[in-house]
Amino acid sequence: MVLDDLGSSLRDSLGKLSGQSRVTEEDVEDIVKEIQRSLLQADVEVSLVMDLSDSIKERALEEESPAGTSARDHVLSIVYEEMVALVGDSTEIPLENQTILLAGLQGSGKTTTSAKMAWWFAKKGLRPAIVQTDTFRPGAYDQAKEMASRAEVDFYGDPDCEDPVEIARKGLEATSEADVHIVDTAGRHALEDDLIAEIEEIERVVDPDRNLLVLDAAIGQGAKDQASQFDDSIGIDGVAITKLDGTAKGGGALTAVNETDSSIAFLGTGEEVRDIERFEPSGFISRLLGMGDLKQLTERVERAMEETQEEEEDWDPEDMLKGEFTLKDMRRQMQAMNNMGPLDQVMDMIPGMGGGGLMDELPDDAMDVTQDRMRSFEVIMDSMTELELENPRAIGASQVERIARGSGKDEERVQELLEQHKMMSQTLKQFQGMGQGNMERMMKKMQGGGGGGGGGMGGMGPFGD
């Protein structure tokens, strides 16, 4: 995640305050130095860093901790509030008819972002269309068309036309029935006069409701000049930060937001069209500090369940709480988890499981191992008969040998699958027959219990290694 080093170092510094009822000036100095070091390493502009650290230092030393609040929690609260203020509000993106123009340099991820945004609007019940106007980059039309197909949204482009302004004009006409038009423009390797002139002319033709600047999270200090020039030309209403799934620093993007006096609209978190989030400052900073993000987690769970039910029309998740939990149910649950996105991102959203929690105690490749394990389980299930999938308890040694041979996996992996199913089945039985009140109390306990929340959810899914 962007600025992840900041979250890690802050958690280490705040951990030193555990058990203290008051903070000393030396404690605050240490925390402020960590913040300054991490933000500067992440390419956040110096003036922003100093303003933030001064505010934290002043509040931490002058404000009294509320009764019953530890020094650590008090300082954490101040850091959280000041960090939320630093990243600012989320760009307003109403769910209504509108035209959005995307700007940015070549390689920033505009074409992928246009498809992701279109997918996001489609999931909100609107009909989006992508208009591809990039005539400069070879392959831009083909990439945009393929991405629009993956997002299952309307698309317009003309590979035979060399006039991007004309493409934009015809594109709006051809997709007039769409609710949301997303106009993708050409980028260059640097801010060139012809790029600026072209995008200004396109903006005059399409008359967008909002202009979004697309920035690679790894852009660094160069973001300031880039954002300033685009803002002077067409005005920037919001920023979409891309490629947050890698080791990007992200501070340059925050600097760009401040430079244009705008806000963050979307975060790109992976390569798939569904790997996009609306920027929510409180949840973003909460995850950064290891406090989880239950709102984003809930949205992902609901979306994943809907997608899984679309793929498996005869399956209702609630059926797992009524009858026998079969291997078919387990496979569908794994499909739902896969639809939620990369496991490390999901874990970050669970209080006590992400940064500062269980994830910090696991090897760096733990989530890759877990996802590989889930994929191998699916391959094994594909080698089973319908009867075995419905009644896994009846699978004996000879069947394990046959399934292993048919799937190309070893017998130990087949046994792991059966043991995982047994554990999940036992966990589900604890929920069967529960009254609604008991269920709600358990869910509240899972959400409020930090690491306990992770433990509860871990028993429900194939997280273990």
Protein backbone atom coordinates (compact mmCIF):
# COMPACT_ATOMS: atom_id res chain seq x y z
CA MET A 1 0.00 0.00 0.00
CA VAL A 2 1.05 3.59 -0.60
CA LEU A 3 3.22 4.96 2.24
CA ASP A 4 3.29 1.52 3.83
CA ASP A 5 6.73 2.21 5.30
CA LEU A 6 5.19 5.12 7.19
CA GLY A 7 2.56 2.87 8.72
CA SER A 8 5.17 0.30 9.78
CA SER A 9 7.52 2.84 11.38
CA LEU A 10 4.66 4.66 13.11
CA ARG A 11 3.37 1.44 14.61
CA ASP A 12 6.88 0.71 15.94
CA SER A 13 7.14 4.18 17.49
CA LEU A 14 3.66 4.09 19.00
CA GLY A 15 4.33 0.64 20.40
CA LYS A 16 6.96 2.17 22.68
CA LEU A 17 4.19 4.17 24.37
CA SER A 18 2.30 1.06 25.49
CA GLY A 19 1.58 1.19 29.20
CA GLN A 20 2.36 4.90 29.55
CA SER A 21 -0.28 7.27 30.88
CA ARG A 22 1.50 10.39 29.60
CA VAL A 23 3.81 11.24 26.72
CA THR A 24 7.03 13.19 27.12
CA GLU A 25 8.46 15.71 24.69
CA GLU A 26 11.13 13.15 23.83
CA ASP A 27 8.44 10.58 22.94
CA VAL A 28 6.73 13.06 20.63
CA GLU A 29 10.03 14.06 19.02
CA ASP A 30 10.76 10.42 18.21
CA ILE A 31 7.34 9.93 16.61
CA VAL A 32 7.57 13.17 14.63
CA LYS A 33 11.02 12.22 13.33
CA GLU A 34 9.65 8.88 12.11
CA ILE A 35 6.83 10.68 10.33
CA GLN A 36 9.21 13.15 8.71
CA ARG A 37 11.65 10.46 7.63
CA SER A 38 8.97 8.21 6.13
CA LEU A 39 7.09 10.98 4.33
CA LEU A 40 10.26 12.47 2.84
CA GLN A 41 11.37 9.03 1.67
CA ALA A 42 7.95 8.65 0.09
CA ASP A 43 8.53 11.85 -1.92
CA VAL A 44 6.00 14.02 -0.09
CA GLU A 45 6.96 17.68 -0.45
CA VAL A 46 9.00 19.12 2.43
CA SER A 47 6.56 21.92 3.27
CA LEU A 48 3.69 19.43 3.62
CA VAL A 49 5.81 17.20 5.84
CA MET A 50 6.78 20.05 8.15
CA ASP A 51 3.21 21.34 8.44
CA LEU A 52 1.94 17.88 9.35
CA SER A 53 4.68 17.11 11.88
CA ASP A 54 4.30 20.54 13.54
CA SER A 55 0.57 20.01 13.97
CA ILE A 56 1.05 16.55 15.47
CA LYS A 57 3.76 17.77 17.84
CA GLU A 58 1.71 20.73 19.03
CA ARG A 59 -1.44 18.70 19.65
CA ALA A 60 0.36 15.78 21.31
CA LEU A 61 2.07 18.04 23.82
CA GLU A 62 -0.78 20.46 24.53
CA GLU A 63 -3.95 18.36 24.41
CA GLU A 64 -4.94 16.36 27.47
CA SER A 65 -5.70 12.68 26.96
CA PRO A 66 -9.41 11.90 27.47
CA ALA A 67 -10.16 10.03 30.68
CA GLY A 68 -9.41 6.33 30.37
CA THR A 69 -7.39 6.78 27.17
CA SER A 70 -3.79 5.55 27.10
CA ALA A 71 -0.99 7.79 25.87
CA ARG A 72 -0.50 5.52 22.88
CA ASP A 73 -4.16 5.65 21.83
CA HIS A 74 -4.27 9.42 22.32
CA VAL A 75 -1.24 10.02 20.09
CA LEU A 76 -2.53 7.46 17.57
CA SER A 77 -5.81 9.39 17.40
CA ILE A 78 -3.96 12.65 16.75
CA VAL A 79 -1.78 11.10 14.06
CA TYR A 80 -4.87 9.54 12.46
CA GLU A 81 -6.79 12.83 12.39
CA GLU A 82 -3.86 14.84 11.05
CA MET A 83 -3.07 12.24 8.37
CA VAL A 84 -6.72 12.23 7.26
CA ALA A 85 -6.53 16.02 7.00
CA LEU A 86 -3.32 15.71 4.94
CA VAL A 87 -4.82 13.43 2.29
CA GLY A 88 -8.00 15.52 2.22
CA ASP A 89 -11.56 14.67 1.31
CA SER A 90 -12.56 12.28 -1.45
CA THR A 91 -13.44 13.79 -4.84
CA GLU A 92 -17.19 14.05 -5.26
CA ILE A 93 -18.29 11.50 -7.86
CA PRO A 94 -22.11 11.58 -8.03
CA LEU A 95 -23.98 8.55 -9.34
CA GLU A 96 -25.67 10.42 -12.17
CA ASN A 97 -25.24 11.27 -15.85
CA GLN A 98 -21.85 12.87 -16.43
CA THR A 99 -18.76 13.10 -18.60
CA ILE A 100 -15.31 12.55 -17.10
CA LEU A 101 -12.09 13.47 -18.91
CA LEU A 102 -8.89 11.60 -17.98
CA ALA A 103 -5.51 13.33 -18.34
CA GLY A 104 -1.97 12.25 -17.57
CA LEU A 105 1.40 11.30 -18.99
CA GLN A 106 2.03 8.17 -21.05
CA GLY A 107 2.42 5.15 -18.81
CA SER A 108 0.40 6.61 -15.96
CA GLY A 109 -2.34 4.03 -16.42
CA LYS A 110 -5.12 6.14 -17.99
CA THR A 111 -6.46 3.44 -20.30
CA THR A 112 -6.61 0.83 -17.55
CA THR A 113 -8.13 3.38 -15.18
CA SER A 114 -10.85 4.27 -17.70
CA ALA A 115 -11.93 0.62 -17.81
CA LYS A 116 -11.78 0.26 -14.03
CA MET A 117 -13.87 3.39 -13.52
CA ALA A 118 -16.38 2.20 -16.11
CA TRP A 119 -16.62 -1.15 -14.31
CA TRP A 120 -17.14 0.69 -11.00
CA PHE A 121 -19.98 2.80 -12.41
CA ALA A 122 -21.56 -0.30 -13.96
CA LYS A 123 -21.55 -2.01 -10.56
CA LYS A 124 -23.38 1.05 -9.19
CA GLY A 125 -26.21 0.51 -11.68
CA LEU A 126 -25.24 3.08 -14.34
CA ARG A 127 -24.43 2.49 -18.00
CA PRO A 128 -20.90 3.73 -18.73
CA ALA A 129 -19.08 4.13 -22.03
CA ILE A 130 -15.39 4.60 -22.77
CA VAL A 131 -14.32 6.94 -25.57
CA GLN A 132 -10.71 6.29 -26.59
CA THR A 133 -9.10 9.34 -28.26
CA ASP A 134 -5.41 8.35 -28.09
CA THR A 135 -4.03 8.36 -31.63
CA PHE A 136 -0.42 8.81 -30.51
CA ARG A 137 0.44 5.55 -28.74
CA PRO A 138 0.58 2.41 -30.90
CA GLY A 139 -1.81 -0.19 -29.58
CA ALA A 140 -3.85 2.28 -27.50
CA TYR A 141 -7.07 1.49 -29.41
CA ASP A 142 -6.63 -2.29 -29.12
CA GLN A 143 -5.78 -2.09 -25.42
CA ALA A 144 -8.75 0.15 -24.65
CA LYS A 145 -11.15 -2.04 -26.62
CA GLU A 146 -9.92 -5.19 -24.88
CA MET A 147 -10.14 -3.58 -21.42
CA ALA A 148 -13.66 -2.32 -22.15
CA SER A 149 -14.62 -5.85 -23.15
CA ARG A 150 -13.28 -7.22 -19.87
CA ALA A 151 -15.24 -4.57 -18.00
CA GLU A 152 -18.31 -5.40 -20.12
CA VAL A 153 -19.03 -1.75 -20.96
CA ASP A 154 -19.72 0.25 -24.14
CA PHE A 155 -16.70 1.42 -26.12
CA TYR A 156 -15.94 3.79 -28.98
CA GLY A 157 -12.70 4.39 -30.81
CA ASP A 158 -11.56 4.76 -34.42
CA PRO A 159 -8.15 3.30 -35.31
CA ASP A 160 -8.37 4.79 -38.82
CA CYS A 161 -8.92 8.37 -37.69
CA GLU A 162 -5.91 10.54 -36.80
CA ASP A 163 -7.88 13.43 -35.30
CA PRO A 164 -8.49 12.83 -31.56
CA VAL A 165 -10.88 15.77 -31.33
CA GLU A 166 -13.06 14.31 -34.08
CA ILE A 167 -12.97 10.90 -32.37
CA ALA A 168 -14.13 12.51 -29.13
CA ARG A 169 -17.00 14.30 -30.90
CA LYS A 170 -18.19 11.18 -32.76
CA GLY A 171 -17.65 9.03 -29.68
CA LEU A 172 -20.10 11.05 -27.58
CA GLU A 173 -22.66 10.82 -30.38
CA ALA A 174 -22.18 7.08 -30.90
CA THR A 175 -22.55 6.34 -27.19
CA SER A 176 -25.31 8.87 -26.50
CA GLU A 177 -27.40 6.28 -24.64
CA ALA A 178 -24.72 5.87 -21.95
CA ASP A 179 -25.18 7.50 -18.56
CA VAL A 180 -21.47 8.09 -17.91
CA HIS A 181 -18.91 8.95 -20.56
CA ILE A 182 -15.25 8.42 -19.71
CA VAL A 183 -12.97 10.09 -22.26
CA ASP A 184 -9.44 8.69 -22.32
CA THR A 185 -6.86 11.07 -23.81
CA ALA A 186 -3.36 10.62 -25.17
CA GLY A 187 -0.28 10.94 -23.02
CA ARG A 188 3.33 11.72 -23.84
CA HIS A 189 6.62 10.92 -22.17
CA ALA A 190 6.83 14.49 -20.92
CA LEU A 191 4.66 17.59 -20.76
CA GLU A 192 4.78 18.83 -24.34
CA ASP A 193 2.98 21.80 -25.88
CA ASP A 194 1.17 19.64 -28.45
CA LEU A 195 -0.20 17.38 -25.69
CA ILE A 196 -1.54 20.34 -23.75
CA ALA A 197 -3.05 21.93 -26.88
CA GLU A 198 -4.70 18.63 -27.85
CA ILE A 199 -6.26 18.00 -24.47
CA GLU A 200 -7.51 21.60 -24.26
CA GLU A 201 -9.29 21.18 -27.61
CA ILE A 202 -10.80 17.84 -26.55
CA GLU A 203 -12.04 19.42 -23.34
CA ARG A 204 -13.77 22.18 -25.30
CA VAL A 205 -15.55 19.59 -27.44
CA VAL A 206 -16.66 17.15 -24.74
CA ASP A 207 -17.34 19.78 -22.05
CA PRO A 208 -16.67 17.37 -19.15
CA ASP A 209 -18.30 17.63 -15.76
CA ARG A 210 -14.98 16.84 -14.09
CA ASN A 211 -11.38 16.33 -15.12
CA LEU A 212 -9.33 13.66 -13.35
CA LEU A 213 -5.53 13.55 -13.42
CA VAL A 214 -4.19 9.97 -13.50
CA LEU A 215 -0.89 9.57 -11.64
CA ASP A 216 1.39 6.59 -11.21
CA ALA A 217 1.99 6.13 -7.46
CA ALA A 218 5.74 5.96 -8.18
CA ILE A 219 5.94 9.35 -9.91
CA GLY A 220 7.82 11.14 -7.13
CA GLN A 221 8.59 14.86 -7.05
CA GLY A 222 7.87 15.26 -10.78
CA ALA A 223 4.19 15.13 -9.96
CA LYS A 224 4.18 18.74 -8.77
CA ASP A 225 5.08 20.32 -12.13
CA GLN A 226 2.92 17.87 -14.04
CA ALA A 227 -0.14 18.52 -11.91
CA SER A 228 0.40 22.28 -12.02
CA GLN A 229 0.55 22.42 -15.83
CA PHE A 230 -2.50 20.21 -16.34
CA ASP A 231 -4.36 22.27 -13.77
CA ASP A 232 -3.48 25.52 -15.55
CA SER A 233 -4.66 24.07 -18.88
CA ILE A 234 -7.93 22.30 -18.12
CA GLY A 235 -8.39 22.46 -14.34
CA ILE A 236 -8.04 19.33 -12.23
CA ASP A 237 -11.02 18.27 -10.08
CA GLY A 238 -9.54 15.07 -8.71
CA VAL A 239 -6.69 12.57 -8.92
CA ALA A 240 -6.73 8.85 -9.63
CA ILE A 241 -3.65 7.14 -8.17
CA THR A 242 -2.61 3.96 -9.99
CA LYS A 243 -0.35 0.96 -9.33
CA LEU A 244 -0.69 0.91 -5.55
CA ASP A 245 -0.23 -2.87 -5.58
CA GLY A 246 3.54 -2.58 -6.02
CA THR A 247 6.29 -0.90 -4.03
CA ALA A 248 5.35 2.63 -5.11
CA LYS A 249 6.06 5.43 -2.68
CA GLY A 250 2.95 7.48 -3.42
CA GLY A 251 4.06 10.73 -1.83
CA GLY A 252 4.34 12.51 -5.16
CA ALA A 253 0.66 11.87 -5.81
CA LEU A 254 -0.24 13.42 -2.46
CA THR A 255 1.89 16.43 -3.38
CA ALA A 256 0.02 16.73 -6.70
CA VAL A 257 -3.30 16.72 -4.89
CA ASN A 258 -2.12 19.58 -2.71
CA GLU A 259 -0.63 21.47 -5.67
CA THR A 260 -3.92 21.44 -7.61
CA ASP A 261 -6.05 22.09 -4.54
CA SER A 262 -8.07 19.03 -5.56
CA SER A 263 -8.66 15.64 -3.95
CA ILE A 264 -8.23 11.92 -4.56
CA ALA A 265 -11.04 10.19 -6.46
CA PHE A 266 -9.95 6.59 -7.07
CA LEU A 267 -7.16 4.19 -6.12
CA GLY A 268 -5.94 1.51 -8.54
CA THR A 269 -4.85 -1.53 -6.54
CA GLY A 270 -4.12 -4.23 -9.12
CA GLU A 271 -4.21 -5.27 -12.77
CA GLU A 272 -7.80 -6.52 -13.02
CA VAL A 273 -10.69 -4.20 -13.93
CA ARG A 274 -12.25 -4.78 -10.51
CA ASP A 275 -9.06 -3.64 -8.72
CA ILE A 276 -10.29 -0.12 -8.02
CA GLU A 277 -11.52 1.64 -4.90
CA ARG A 278 -13.22 4.92 -4.29
CA PHE A 279 -10.85 6.87 -2.11
CA GLU A 280 -12.13 7.13 1.46
CA PRO A 281 -9.64 9.11 3.59
CA SER A 282 -10.66 7.65 6.95
CA GLY A 283 -10.48 4.03 5.77
CA PHE A 284 -7.26 4.67 3.83
CA ILE A 285 -5.41 6.06 6.85
CA SER A 286 -7.02 3.49 9.15
CA ARG A 287 -5.55 0.68 7.05
CA LEU A 288 -2.20 2.47 6.93
CA LEU A 289 -2.06 2.52 10.73
CA GLY A 290 -3.10 -1.13 11.07
CA MET A 291 -6.63 -0.32 12.25
CA GLY A 292 -8.44 -2.05 9.38
CA ASP A 293 -11.23 -0.78 7.12
CA LEU A 294 -14.48 -2.61 7.77
CA LYS A 295 -16.49 -0.44 5.38
CA GLN A 296 -14.32 -1.34 2.39
CA LEU A 297 -14.19 -4.96 3.55
CA THR A 298 -17.99 -5.14 3.74
CA GLU A 299 -18.32 -3.72 0.23
CA ARG A 300 -15.89 -6.29 -1.13
CA VAL A 301 -17.66 -9.16 0.61
CA GLU A 302 -21.07 -8.08 -0.71
CA ARG A 303 -19.69 -7.63 -4.23
CA ALA A 304 -17.92 -10.99 -4.14
CA MET A 305 -21.05 -12.81 -2.99
CA GLU A 306 -23.12 -11.18 -5.74
CA GLU A 307 -20.57 -12.15 -8.40
CA THR A 308 -20.34 -15.70 -7.10
CA GLN A 309 -24.14 -16.07 -7.12
CA GLU A 310 -24.20 -14.77 -10.71
CA GLU A 311 -21.71 -17.49 -11.65
CA GLU A 312 -23.52 -20.15 -9.57
CA GLU A 313 -27.21 -19.31 -9.94
CA ASP A 314 -28.38 -22.28 -7.87
CA TRP A 315 -26.25 -21.36 -4.83
CA ASP A 316 -27.34 -19.30 -1.85
CA PRO A 317 -24.62 -18.62 0.78
CA GLU A 318 -27.20 -18.95 3.54
CA ASP A 319 -27.75 -22.57 2.55
CA MET A 320 -24.39 -23.35 4.18
CA LEU A 321 -25.98 -22.57 7.55
CA LYS A 322 -28.84 -25.00 7.00
CA GLY A 323 -27.64 -28.32 5.66
CA GLU A 324 -24.41 -30.25 5.27
CA PHE A 325 -21.36 -28.24 4.20
CA THR A 326 -20.03 -29.94 1.06
CA LEU A 327 -16.88 -29.56 -0.99
CA LYS A 328 -19.04 -27.80 -3.58
CA ASP A 329 -19.87 -25.17 -0.96
CA MET A 330 -16.20 -24.86 -0.10
CA ARG A 331 -15.28 -24.32 -3.75
CA ARG A 332 -17.94 -21.63 -4.10
CA GLN A 333 -16.67 -19.92 -0.96
CA MET A 334 -13.15 -19.94 -2.38
CA GLN A 335 -14.51 -18.43 -5.60
CA ALA A 336 -16.17 -15.69 -3.54
CA MET A 337 -12.86 -15.02 -1.74
CA ASN A 338 -11.08 -14.86 -5.08
CA ASN A 339 -13.65 -12.31 -6.26
CA MET A 340 -12.72 -10.13 -3.29
CA GLY A 341 -9.25 -9.55 -4.73
CA PRO A 342 -5.72 -10.29 -3.47
CA LEU A 343 -5.71 -11.73 0.04
CA ASP A 344 -3.09 -9.33 1.35
CA GLN A 345 -5.40 -6.41 0.50
CA VAL A 346 -8.34 -8.12 2.18
CA MET A 347 -6.25 -8.85 5.29
CA ASP A 348 -5.31 -5.15 5.51
CA MET A 349 -9.01 -4.35 5.93
CA ILE A 350 -9.51 -6.64 8.93
CA PRO A 351 -8.65 -5.01 12.28
CA GLY A 352 -5.69 -6.76 13.87
CA MET A 353 -4.91 -8.78 10.74
CA GLY A 354 -3.20 -6.27 8.43
CA GLY A 355 -0.28 -3.97 9.16
CA GLY A 356 0.68 -4.16 12.82
CA GLY A 357 -1.21 -7.42 13.27
CA LEU A 358 -0.94 -10.98 12.05
CA MET A 359 0.37 -9.96 8.61
CA ASP A 360 3.53 -8.49 10.15
CA GLU A 361 4.30 -11.86 11.72
CA LEU A 362 3.96 -13.81 8.46
CA PRO A 363 6.66 -14.33 5.81
CA ASP A 364 6.52 -11.89 2.89
CA ASP A 365 5.27 -14.62 0.54
CA ALA A 366 2.65 -16.01 2.93
CA MET A 367 -0.31 -14.70 0.93
CA ASP A 368 1.16 -16.00 -2.32
CA VAL A 369 1.50 -19.41 -0.71
CA THR A 370 -2.09 -19.28 0.50
CA GLN A 371 -3.44 -18.29 -2.92
CA ASP A 372 -1.41 -21.05 -4.58
CA ARG A 373 -2.90 -23.45 -2.05
CA MET A 374 -6.43 -22.36 -2.90
CA ARG A 375 -5.75 -22.84 -6.61
CA SER A 376 -4.37 -26.32 -5.98
CA PHE A 377 -7.50 -27.17 -3.96
CA GLU A 378 -9.67 -26.22 -6.94
CA VAL A 379 -7.60 -28.42 -9.26
CA ILE A 380 -8.01 -31.33 -6.83
CA MET A 381 -11.78 -30.82 -6.63
CA ASP A 382 -11.95 -30.91 -10.44
CA SER A 383 -10.63 -34.48 -10.24
CA MET A 384 -13.39 -35.62 -7.87
CA THR A 385 -16.70 -37.24 -8.72
CA GLU A 386 -20.04 -35.59 -7.92
CA LEU A 387 -20.56 -38.11 -5.10
CA GLU A 388 -17.16 -37.26 -3.56
CA LEU A 389 -17.86 -33.53 -3.75
CA GLU A 390 -21.21 -34.04 -2.03
CA ASN A 391 -19.90 -36.47 0.60
CA PRO A 392 -16.18 -35.88 1.29
CA ARG A 393 -16.29 -37.91 4.52
CA ALA A 394 -16.68 -41.05 2.41
CA ILE A 395 -13.39 -40.51 0.60
CA GLY A 396 -11.01 -43.33 1.51
CA ALA A 397 -7.31 -44.02 0.93
CA SER A 398 -7.77 -45.55 -2.54
CA GLN A 399 -9.85 -42.56 -3.64
CA VAL A 400 -7.25 -40.13 -2.31
CA GLU A 401 -4.63 -41.95 -4.38
CA ARG A 402 -6.81 -41.76 -7.52
CA ILE A 403 -7.65 -38.06 -6.98
CA ALA A 404 -3.99 -37.19 -6.44
CA ARG A 405 -3.00 -39.00 -9.62
CA GLY A 406 -5.79 -37.35 -11.65
CA SER A 407 -5.04 -33.83 -10.40
CA GLY A 408 -1.26 -34.06 -10.59
CA LYS A 409 -1.00 -33.20 -6.88
CA ASP A 410 0.50 -35.31 -4.13
CA GLU A 411 -1.66 -37.25 -1.67
CA GLU A 412 -0.64 -34.96 1.22
CA ARG A 413 -2.23 -32.00 -0.58
CA VAL A 414 -5.46 -33.95 -1.07
CA GLN A 415 -5.49 -34.78 2.64
CA GLU A 416 -4.92 -31.07 3.42
CA LEU A 417 -8.01 -30.21 1.41
CA LEU A 418 -10.09 -32.75 3.30
CA GLU A 419 -8.78 -31.49 6.65
CA GLN A 420 -9.49 -27.88 5.66
CA HIS A 421 -13.04 -28.85 4.70
CA LYS A 422 -13.51 -30.63 8.01
CA MET A 423 -12.35 -27.57 9.97
CA MET A 424 -14.62 -25.23 8.01
CA SER A 425 -17.55 -27.59 8.42
CA GLN A 426 -17.06 -27.69 12.20
CA THR A 427 -16.87 -23.89 12.33
CA LEU A 428 -20.09 -23.49 10.37
CA LYS A 429 -21.90 -25.86 12.72
CA GLN A 430 -21.25 -23.34 15.51
CA PHE A 431 -23.38 -20.88 13.56
CA GLN A 432 -26.17 -23.30 12.68
CA GLY A 433 -29.22 -22.84 14.85
CA MET A 434 -28.04 -19.50 16.22
CA GLY A 435 -30.70 -16.90 16.82
CA GLN A 436 -30.37 -13.56 15.05
CA GLY A 437 -29.43 -11.82 18.29
CA ASN A 438 -26.63 -14.27 19.05
CA MET A 439 -25.32 -13.96 15.49
CA GLU A 440 -25.24 -10.16 15.68
CA ARG A 441 -23.42 -10.25 19.02
CA MET A 442 -20.82 -12.61 17.59
CA MET A 443 -20.26 -10.39 14.54
CA LYS A 444 -19.86 -7.30 16.73
CA LYS A 445 -17.34 -9.17 18.86
CA MET A 446 -15.42 -10.24 15.75
CA GLN A 447 -15.33 -6.67 14.42
CA GLY A 448 -14.42 -5.02 17.70
CA GLY A 449 -11.91 -7.54 18.93
CA GLY A 450 -8.94 -6.58 16.76
CA GLY A 451 -6.95 -9.75 16.34
CA GLY A 452 -9.98 -11.72 17.45
CA GLY A 453 -11.78 -10.54 14.34
CA GLY A 454 -9.04 -12.10 12.22
CA GLY A 455 -9.18 -15.31 14.14
CA GLY A 456 -12.92 -15.62 13.71
CA MET A 457 -12.80 -14.99 10.01
CA GLY A 458 -9.75 -17.17 9.58
CA GLY A 459 -11.72 -20.16 10.78
CA MET A 460 -14.36 -19.47 8.16
CA GLY A 461 -12.09 -19.49 5.14
CA PRO A 462 -9.04 -21.25 3.68
CA PHE A 463 -6.51 -18.72 5.04
CA GLY A 464 -4.24 -21.20 6.78
CA ASP A 465 -1.01 -22.43 5.30
